[in-house]
Amino acid sequence: MTAIEIDENEARERLKALGDWQLRDDGKAIERKFKFRTFNEAFGFMTRSALSAEKMNHHPDWSNVYNRVNVVLTTHDTGGLTELDFRLAKAMNRAAGQA
């Protein structure tokens, strides 16, 4: 299945349903900073998110420092945003307990 790129206008519309996710200035990625009470909660979130990412075969660019996880989603194959990015963002919100 070929991923179809999502333009900046559609991305902005889809972000309305995703809470704290933001469109990067270049319009080619979305990002979010998650903050948890402890490292253990942050690591649990990353583990749950990794399982979703693996099922989708779509992996985030992310970093973790103690109780924070910074995430950037883009589809490298297309050089921009696709449905996969928004599906993974939604799954990550669920993993953080924010449906």
Protein backbone atom coordinates (compact mmCIF):
# COMPACT_ATOMS: atom_id res chain seq x y z
CA MET A 1 0.00 0.00 0.00
CA THR A 2 1.40 3.38 -1.00
CA ALA A 3 1.16 6.11 1.61
CA ILE A 4 -0.55 9.23 0.30
CA GLU A 5 0.91 12.49 1.53
CA ILE A 6 -1.36 14.83 3.49
CA ASP A 7 -1.06 18.54 2.70
CA GLU A 8 -0.65 21.25 5.32
CA ASN A 9 -4.31 22.35 5.29
CA GLU A 10 -5.60 18.83 5.83
CA ALA A 11 -2.96 18.28 8.52
CA ARG A 12 -4.14 21.37 10.41
CA GLU A 13 -7.73 20.11 10.24
CA ARG A 14 -6.77 16.63 11.50
CA LEU A 15 -4.73 18.10 14.37
CA LYS A 16 -7.89 19.59 15.88
CA ALA A 17 -8.86 16.10 17.03
CA LEU A 18 -5.42 15.27 18.47
CA GLY A 19 -5.07 17.65 21.39
CA ASP A 20 -1.53 18.88 22.03
CA TRP A 21 0.04 17.80 18.75
CA GLN A 22 1.51 20.62 16.66
CA LEU A 23 2.40 20.97 13.01
CA ARG A 24 6.06 21.71 12.42
CA ASP A 25 6.83 24.99 10.64
CA ASP A 26 7.76 23.20 7.41
CA GLY A 27 4.42 21.33 7.40
CA LYS A 28 6.22 17.98 6.96
CA ALA A 29 5.87 16.60 10.50
CA ILE A 30 3.79 16.75 13.66
CA GLU A 31 5.25 16.86 17.14
CA ARG A 32 4.29 16.66 20.76
CA LYS A 33 5.96 16.82 24.15
CA PHE A 34 4.55 14.36 26.68
CA LYS A 35 5.22 14.83 30.39
CA PHE A 36 4.61 12.16 33.02
CA ARG A 37 4.99 12.04 36.80
CA THR A 38 7.93 9.63 36.76
CA PHE A 39 10.48 7.98 34.51
CA ASN A 40 8.62 4.70 34.97
CA GLU A 41 5.41 6.21 33.55
CA ALA A 42 7.32 7.72 30.63
CA PHE A 43 9.01 4.41 29.87
CA GLY A 44 5.70 2.55 30.08
CA PHE A 45 4.23 5.02 27.59
CA MET A 46 7.16 4.44 25.25
CA THR A 47 6.73 0.68 25.51
CA ARG A 48 3.00 0.83 24.72
CA SER A 49 3.67 3.25 21.86
CA ALA A 50 6.45 1.06 20.48
CA LEU A 51 4.05 -1.89 20.25
CA SER A 52 1.58 0.21 18.25
CA ALA A 53 4.35 1.58 16.04
CA GLU A 54 5.64 -1.91 15.30
CA LYS A 55 2.16 -3.14 14.34
CA MET A 56 1.85 -0.21 11.93
CA ASN A 57 5.45 -0.58 10.73
CA HIS A 58 5.71 3.17 11.31
CA HIS A 59 8.25 4.34 13.84
CA PRO A 60 8.55 7.67 15.65
CA ASP A 61 11.53 9.95 16.04
CA TRP A 62 11.58 10.41 19.79
CA SER A 63 13.71 11.15 22.80
CA ASN A 64 13.28 10.60 26.52
CA VAL A 65 14.73 12.46 29.49
CA TYR A 66 13.44 11.30 32.87
CA ASN A 67 9.67 12.01 32.79
CA ARG A 68 9.49 13.68 29.36
CA VAL A 69 9.11 12.15 25.92
CA ASN A 70 9.44 14.35 22.85
CA VAL A 71 7.94 12.87 19.68
CA VAL A 72 8.16 13.83 16.01
CA LEU A 73 6.10 11.94 13.44
CA THR A 74 6.69 12.07 9.70
CA THR A 75 6.65 9.52 6.90
CA HIS A 76 10.23 9.38 5.66
CA ASP A 77 9.27 7.45 2.51
CA THR A 78 7.15 10.37 1.27
CA GLY A 79 9.09 13.21 2.87
CA GLY A 80 5.96 14.47 4.62
CA LEU A 81 2.83 13.55 6.53
CA THR A 82 0.56 10.60 5.77
CA GLU A 83 -2.36 8.83 7.42
CA LEU A 84 0.15 6.69 9.32
CA ASP A 85 1.41 9.71 11.26
CA PHE A 86 -2.06 10.61 12.46
CA ARG A 87 -2.94 7.00 13.31
CA LEU A 88 0.23 6.68 15.38
CA ALA A 89 -0.37 10.05 17.09
CA LYS A 90 -3.84 8.85 18.10
CA ALA A 91 -2.40 5.57 19.40
CA MET A 92 0.21 7.50 21.38
CA ASN A 93 -2.48 9.67 22.93
CA ARG A 94 -4.26 6.48 24.03
CA ALA A 95 -0.99 5.06 25.39
CA ALA A 96 -0.63 8.24 27.46
CA GLY A 97 -4.16 7.78 28.79
CA GLN A 98 -5.58 10.58 26.65
CA ALA A 99 -8.11 9.12 24.25
